[in-house]
PDB file of all heavy atoms in Angstrom:
ATOM      1  N   LEU A   1     -87.478   5.074  86.226  1.00  0.00           N
ATOM      2  CA  LEU A   1     -87.107   4.728  84.862  1.00  0.00           C
ATOM      3  C   LEU A   1     -87.822   5.612  83.856  1.00  0.00           C
ATOM      4  O   LEU A   1     -87.341   5.816  82.730  1.00  0.00           O
ATOM      5  CB  LEU A   1     -87.440   3.241  84.590  1.00  0.00           C
ATOM      6  CG  LEU A   1     -86.658   2.197  85.372  1.00  0.00           C
ATOM      7  CD1 LEU A   1     -87.190   0.808  85.082  1.00  0.00           C
ATOM      8  CD2 LEU A   1     -85.177   2.296  85.046  1.00  0.00           C
ATOM      9  N   GLN A   2     -89.007   6.106  84.246  1.00  0.00           N
ATOM     10  CA  GLN A   2     -89.790   6.962  83.347  1.00  0.00           C
ATOM     11  C   GLN A   2     -89.683   8.453  83.729  1.00  0.00           C
ATOM     12  O   GLN A   2     -90.467   9.258  83.272  1.00  0.00           O
ATOM     13  CB  GLN A   2     -91.255   6.543  83.362  1.00  0.00           C
ATOM     14  CG  GLN A   2     -91.479   5.092  83.027  1.00  0.00           C
ATOM     15  CD  GLN A   2     -91.068   4.753  81.629  1.00  0.00           C
ATOM     16  OE1 GLN A   2     -91.234   5.529  80.699  1.00  0.00           O
ATOM     17  NE2 GLN A   2     -90.462   3.579  81.456  1.00  0.00           N
ATOM     18  N   ALA A   3     -88.696   8.783  84.577  1.00  0.00           N
ATOM     19  CA  ALA A   3     -88.578  10.163  85.023  1.00  0.00           C
ATOM     20  C   ALA A   3     -87.790  11.032  84.052  1.00  0.00           C
ATOM     21  O   ALA A   3     -87.838  12.264  84.126  1.00  0.00           O
ATOM     22  CB  ALA A   3     -87.900  10.211  86.394  1.00  0.00           C
ATOM     23  N   MET A   4     -87.080  10.405  83.124  1.00  0.00           N
ATOM     24  CA  MET A   4     -86.293  11.135  82.132  1.00  0.00           C
ATOM     25  C   MET A   4     -86.831  10.855  80.737  1.00  0.00           C
ATOM     26  O   MET A   4     -87.303   9.743  80.459  1.00  0.00           O
ATOM     27  CB  MET A   4     -84.806  10.748  82.198  1.00  0.00           C
ATOM     28  CG  MET A   4     -84.173  10.999  83.558  1.00  0.00           C
ATOM     29  SD  MET A   4     -84.037  12.742  83.960  1.00  0.00           S
ATOM     30  CE  MET A   4     -82.706  13.251  82.875  1.00  0.00           C
ATOM     31  N   ALA A   5     -86.746  11.851  79.846  1.00  0.00           N
ATOM     32  CA  ALA A   5     -87.308  11.705  78.504  1.00  0.00           C
ATOM     33  C   ALA A   5     -86.667  10.570  77.727  1.00  0.00           C
ATOM     34  O   ALA A   5     -87.326   9.896  76.948  1.00  0.00           O
ATOM     35  CB  ALA A   5     -87.153  13.016  77.731  1.00  0.00           C
ATOM     36  N   GLY A   6     -85.371  10.346  77.952  1.00  0.00           N
ATOM     37  CA  GLY A   6     -84.689   9.241  77.247  1.00  0.00           C
ATOM     38  C   GLY A   6     -85.328   7.895  77.565  1.00  0.00           C
ATOM     39  O   GLY A   6     -85.538   7.069  76.676  1.00  0.00           O
ATOM     40  N   GLY A   7     -85.642   7.672  78.854  1.00  0.00           N
ATOM     41  CA  GLY A   7     -86.304   6.451  79.260  1.00  0.00           C
ATOM     42  C   GLY A   7     -87.709   6.340  78.690  1.00  0.00           C
ATOM     43  O   GLY A   7     -88.166   5.246  78.296  1.00  0.00           O
ATOM     44  N   GLN A   8     -88.414   7.467  78.638  1.00  0.00           N
ATOM     45  CA  GLN A   8     -89.758   7.468  78.067  1.00  0.00           C
ATOM     46  C   GLN A   8     -89.737   7.113  76.601  1.00  0.00           C
ATOM     47  O   GLN A   8     -90.568   6.322  76.122  1.00  0.00           O
ATOM     48  CB  GLN A   8     -90.388   8.850  78.288  1.00  0.00           C
ATOM     49  CG  GLN A   8     -90.642   9.160  79.751  1.00  0.00           C
ATOM     50  CD  GLN A   8     -91.130  10.583  79.965  1.00  0.00           C
ATOM     51  OE1 GLN A   8     -90.595  11.518  79.395  1.00  0.00           O
ATOM     52  NE2 GLN A   8     -92.167  10.734  80.748  1.00  0.00           N
ATOM     53  N   LEU A   9     -88.790   7.681  75.849  1.00  0.00           N
ATOM     54  CA  LEU A   9     -88.719   7.411  74.433  1.00  0.00           C
ATOM     55  C   LEU A   9     -88.228   5.976  74.153  1.00  0.00           C
ATOM     56  O   LEU A   9     -88.650   5.359  73.176  1.00  0.00           O
ATOM     57  CB  LEU A   9     -87.793   8.420  73.742  1.00  0.00           C
ATOM     58  CG  LEU A   9     -88.360   9.849  73.683  1.00  0.00           C
ATOM     59  CD1 LEU A   9     -87.346  10.824  73.095  1.00  0.00           C
ATOM     60  CD2 LEU A   9     -89.638   9.889  72.840  1.00  0.00           C
ATOM     61  N   ALA A  10     -87.359   5.470  75.005  1.00  0.00           N
ATOM     62  CA  ALA A  10     -86.916   4.063  74.872  1.00  0.00           C
ATOM     63  C   ALA A  10     -88.110   3.137  75.073  1.00  0.00           C
ATOM     64  O   ALA A  10     -88.252   2.139  74.338  1.00  0.00           O
ATOM     65  CB  ALA A  10     -85.804   3.763  75.864  1.00  0.00           C
ATOM     66  N   THR A  11     -88.943   3.435  76.045  1.00  0.00           N
ATOM     67  CA  THR A  11     -90.151   2.632  76.281  1.00  0.00           C
ATOM     68  C   THR A  11     -91.096   2.718  75.095  1.00  0.00           C
ATOM     69  O   THR A  11     -91.669   1.701  74.653  1.00  0.00           O
ATOM     70  CB  THR A  11     -90.875   3.111  77.560  1.00  0.00           C
ATOM     71  OG1 THR A  11     -90.011   2.911  78.669  1.00  0.00           O
ATOM     72  CG2 THR A  11     -92.161   2.360  77.772  1.00  0.00           C
ATOM     73  N   ALA A  12     -91.268   3.933  74.555  1.00  0.00           N
ATOM     74  CA  ALA A  12     -92.134   4.096  73.389  1.00  0.00           C
ATOM     75  C   ALA A  12     -91.621   3.301  72.191  1.00  0.00           C
ATOM     76  O   ALA A  12     -92.384   2.643  71.486  1.00  0.00           O
ATOM     77  CB  ALA A  12     -92.231   5.584  73.015  1.00  0.00           C
ATOM     78  N   ALA A  13     -90.314   3.308  71.967  1.00  0.00           N
ATOM     79  CA  ALA A  13     -89.722   2.550  70.858  1.00  0.00           C
ATOM     80  C   ALA A  13     -89.992   1.067  71.012  1.00  0.00           C
ATOM     81  O   ALA A  13     -90.355   0.383  70.043  1.00  0.00           O
ATOM     82  CB  ALA A  13     -88.216   2.817  70.808  1.00  0.00           C
ATOM     83  N   GLU A  14     -89.855   0.565  72.233  1.00  0.00           N
ATOM     84  CA  GLU A  14     -90.084  -0.860  72.484  1.00  0.00           C
ATOM     85  C   GLU A  14     -91.548  -1.248  72.239  1.00  0.00           C
ATOM     86  O   GLU A  14     -91.848  -2.254  71.590  1.00  0.00           O
ATOM     87  CB  GLU A  14     -89.678  -1.207  73.913  1.00  0.00           C
ATOM     88  CG  GLU A  14     -89.868  -2.659  74.286  1.00  0.00           C
ATOM     89  CD  GLU A  14     -89.471  -2.946  75.731  1.00  0.00           C
ATOM     90  OE1 GLU A  14     -88.923  -2.056  76.386  1.00  0.00           O
ATOM     91  OE2 GLU A  14     -89.750  -4.079  76.181  1.00  0.00           O
ATOM     92  N   LEU A  15     -92.473  -0.436  72.746  1.00  0.00           N
ATOM     93  CA  LEU A  15     -93.879  -0.759  72.608  1.00  0.00           C
ATOM     94  C   LEU A  15     -94.379  -0.551  71.175  1.00  0.00           C
ATOM     95  O   LEU A  15     -95.257  -1.286  70.719  1.00  0.00           O
ATOM     96  CB  LEU A  15     -94.709   0.106  73.573  1.00  0.00           C
ATOM     97  CG  LEU A  15     -94.520  -0.244  75.053  1.00  0.00           C
ATOM     98  CD1 LEU A  15     -95.253   0.767  75.927  1.00  0.00           C
ATOM     99  CD2 LEU A  15     -95.041  -1.646  75.368  1.00  0.00           C
ATOM    100  N   LEU A  16     -93.826   0.438  70.475  1.00  0.00           N
ATOM    101  CA  LEU A  16     -94.231   0.684  69.094  1.00  0.00           C
ATOM    102  C   LEU A  16     -93.586  -0.291  68.130  1.00  0.00           C
ATOM    103  O   LEU A  16     -94.043  -0.458  67.004  1.00  0.00           O
ATOM    104  CB  LEU A  16     -93.861   2.116  68.680  1.00  0.00           C
ATOM    105  CG  LEU A  16     -94.624   3.249  69.381  1.00  0.00           C
ATOM    106  CD1 LEU A  16     -93.966   4.599  69.079  1.00  0.00           C
ATOM    107  CD2 LEU A  16     -96.087   3.263  68.910  1.00  0.00           C
ATOM    108  N   GLY A  17     -92.483  -0.918  68.560  1.00  0.00           N
ATOM    109  CA  GLY A  17     -91.767  -1.815  67.662  1.00  0.00           C
ATOM    110  C   GLY A  17     -91.056  -1.068  66.573  1.00  0.00           C
ATOM    111  O   GLY A  17     -90.829  -1.596  65.474  1.00  0.00           O
ATOM    112  N   ILE A  18     -90.673   0.187  66.848  1.00  0.00           N
ATOM    113  CA  ILE A  18     -90.004   1.032  65.869  1.00  0.00           C
ATOM    114  C   ILE A  18     -88.709   1.573  66.474  1.00  0.00           C
ATOM    115  O   ILE A  18     -88.768   2.181  67.565  1.00  0.00           O
ATOM    116  CB  ILE A  18     -90.903   2.190  65.435  1.00  0.00           C
ATOM    117  CG1 ILE A  18     -92.141   1.683  64.699  1.00  0.00           C
ATOM    118  CG2 ILE A  18     -90.140   3.160  64.542  1.00  0.00           C
ATOM    119  CD1 ILE A  18     -93.115   2.773  64.270  1.00  0.00           C
ATOM    120  N   PRO A  19     -87.582   1.397  65.832  1.00  0.00           N
ATOM    121  CA  PRO A  19     -86.356   1.980  66.391  1.00  0.00           C
ATOM    122  C   PRO A  19     -86.400   3.511  66.302  1.00  0.00           C
ATOM    123  O   PRO A  19     -86.728   4.071  65.255  1.00  0.00           O
ATOM    124  CB  PRO A  19     -85.245   1.412  65.470  1.00  0.00           C
ATOM    125  CG  PRO A  19     -85.953   1.070  64.198  1.00  0.00           C
ATOM    126  CD  PRO A  19     -87.330   0.658  64.575  1.00  0.00           C
ATOM    127  N   LEU A  20     -86.118   4.161  67.411  1.00  0.00           N
ATOM    128  CA  LEU A  20     -86.177   5.626  67.465  1.00  0.00           C
ATOM    129  C   LEU A  20     -84.805   6.220  67.752  1.00  0.00           C
ATOM    130  O   LEU A  20     -84.001   5.626  68.476  1.00  0.00           O
ATOM    131  CB  LEU A  20     -87.148   6.101  68.560  1.00  0.00           C
ATOM    132  CG  LEU A  20     -88.621   5.688  68.424  1.00  0.00           C
ATOM    133  CD1 LEU A  20     -89.414   6.196  69.637  1.00  0.00           C
ATOM    134  CD2 LEU A  20     -89.226   6.242  67.115  1.00  0.00           C
ATOM    135  N   GLU A  21     -84.551   7.372  67.174  1.00  0.00           N
ATOM    136  CA  GLU A  21     -83.364   8.164  67.508  1.00  0.00           C
ATOM    137  C   GLU A  21     -83.831   9.295  68.413  1.00  0.00           C
ATOM    138  O   GLU A  21     -84.370  10.315  67.943  1.00  0.00           O
ATOM    139  CB  GLU A  21     -82.719   8.728  66.241  1.00  0.00           C
ATOM    140  CG  GLU A  21     -81.531   9.629  66.500  1.00  0.00           C
ATOM    141  CD  GLU A  21     -81.099  10.402  65.282  1.00  0.00           C
ATOM    142  OE1 GLU A  21     -81.610  10.156  64.175  1.00  0.00           O
ATOM    143  OE2 GLU A  21     -80.235  11.304  65.440  1.00  0.00           O
ATOM    144  N   PRO A  22     -83.709   9.166  69.731  1.00  0.00           N
ATOM    145  CA  PRO A  22     -84.290  10.157  70.647  1.00  0.00           C
ATOM    146  C   PRO A  22     -83.495  11.484  70.647  1.00  0.00           C
ATOM    147  O   PRO A  22     -82.289  11.479  70.800  1.00  0.00           O
ATOM    148  CB  PRO A  22     -84.223   9.473  71.994  1.00  0.00           C
ATOM    149  CG  PRO A  22     -83.087   8.518  71.883  1.00  0.00           C
ATOM    150  CD  PRO A  22     -83.062   8.054  70.467  1.00  0.00           C
ATOM    151  N   LEU A  23     -84.219  12.560  70.470  1.00  0.00           N
ATOM    152  CA  LEU A  23     -83.645  13.895  70.511  1.00  0.00           C
ATOM    153  C   LEU A  23     -84.568  14.760  71.374  1.00  0.00           C
ATOM    154  O   LEU A  23     -85.733  14.917  71.050  1.00  0.00           O
ATOM    155  CB  LEU A  23     -83.531  14.492  69.120  1.00  0.00           C
ATOM    156  CG  LEU A  23     -82.682  13.645  68.129  1.00  0.00           C
ATOM    157  CD1 LEU A  23     -83.042  13.997  66.704  1.00  0.00           C
ATOM    158  CD2 LEU A  23     -81.223  13.888  68.382  1.00  0.00           C
ATOM    159  N   VAL A  24     -84.061  15.286  72.478  1.00  0.00           N
ATOM    160  CA  VAL A  24     -84.897  15.987  73.446  1.00  0.00           C
ATOM    161  C   VAL A  24     -84.545  17.466  73.484  1.00  0.00           C
ATOM    162  O   VAL A  24     -83.378  17.837  73.563  1.00  0.00           O
ATOM    163  CB  VAL A  24     -84.748  15.380  74.853  1.00  0.00           C
ATOM    164  CG1 VAL A  24     -85.624  16.100  75.860  1.00  0.00           C
ATOM    165  CG2 VAL A  24     -85.091  13.891  74.811  1.00  0.00           C
ATOM    166  N   VAL A  25     -85.588  18.306  73.416  1.00  0.00           N
ATOM    167  CA  VAL A  25     -85.430  19.760  73.484  1.00  0.00           C
ATOM    168  C   VAL A  25     -86.115  20.251  74.763  1.00  0.00           C
ATOM    169  O   VAL A  25     -87.232  19.825  75.059  1.00  0.00           O
ATOM    170  CB  VAL A  25     -86.084  20.446  72.277  1.00  0.00           C
ATOM    171  CG1 VAL A  25     -85.917  21.958  72.366  1.00  0.00           C
ATOM    172  CG2 VAL A  25     -85.472  19.943  70.970  1.00  0.00           C
ATOM    173  N   SER A  26     -85.447  21.101  75.501  1.00  0.00           N
ATOM    174  CA  SER A  26     -86.054  21.617  76.733  1.00  0.00           C
ATOM    175  C   SER A  26     -85.774  23.107  76.846  1.00  0.00           C
ATOM    176  O   SER A  26     -84.657  23.524  77.188  1.00  0.00           O
ATOM    177  CB  SER A  26     -85.515  20.889  77.959  1.00  0.00           C
ATOM    178  OG  SER A  26     -86.150  21.359  79.142  1.00  0.00           O
ATOM    179  N   ASN A  27     -86.744  23.954  76.525  1.00  0.00           N
ATOM    180  CA  ASN A  27     -86.556  25.391  76.671  1.00  0.00           C
ATOM    181  C   ASN A  27     -87.885  26.075  77.053  1.00  0.00           C
ATOM    182  O   ASN A  27     -88.363  26.995  76.406  1.00  0.00           O
ATOM    183  CB  ASN A  27     -85.971  26.037  75.381  1.00  0.00           C
ATOM    184  CG  ASN A  27     -86.784  25.723  74.157  1.00  0.00           C
ATOM    185  OD1 ASN A  27     -87.805  25.071  74.225  1.00  0.00           O
ATOM    186  ND2 ASN A  27     -86.341  26.217  73.014  1.00  0.00           N
ATOM    187  N   ALA A  28     -88.475  25.551  78.128  1.00  0.00           N
ATOM    188  CA  ALA A  28     -89.657  26.120  78.736  1.00  0.00           C
ATOM    189  C   ALA A  28     -90.877  26.100  77.825  1.00  0.00           C
ATOM    190  O   ALA A  28     -91.091  25.122  77.115  1.00  0.00           O
ATOM    191  CB  ALA A  28     -89.368  27.534  79.261  1.00  0.00           C
ATOM    192  N   CYS A  29     -91.648  27.172  77.772  1.00  0.00           N
ATOM    193  CA  CYS A  29     -92.958  27.155  77.155  1.00  0.00           C
ATOM    194  C   CYS A  29     -92.916  26.894  75.649  1.00  0.00           C
ATOM    195  O   CYS A  29     -93.900  26.399  75.087  1.00  0.00           O
ATOM    196  CB  CYS A  29     -93.680  28.472  77.416  1.00  0.00           C
ATOM    197  SG  CYS A  29     -94.008  28.762  79.160  1.00  0.00           S
ATOM    198  N   ALA A  30     -91.833  27.204  74.986  1.00  0.00           N
ATOM    199  CA  ALA A  30     -91.746  27.030  73.532  1.00  0.00           C
ATOM    200  C   ALA A  30     -91.197  25.697  73.141  1.00  0.00           C
ATOM    201  O   ALA A  30     -90.905  25.448  71.962  1.00  0.00           O
ATOM    202  CB  ALA A  30     -90.899  28.151  72.930  1.00  0.00           C
TER     203      ALA A  30
END
């Protein structure tokens, strides 16, 4: 469940009590 960034951000939103709009960028070192 925590292997993908979407799941990680959903967990963060729940624990923080803040609704998040997850946007993930993946392009190596930068």
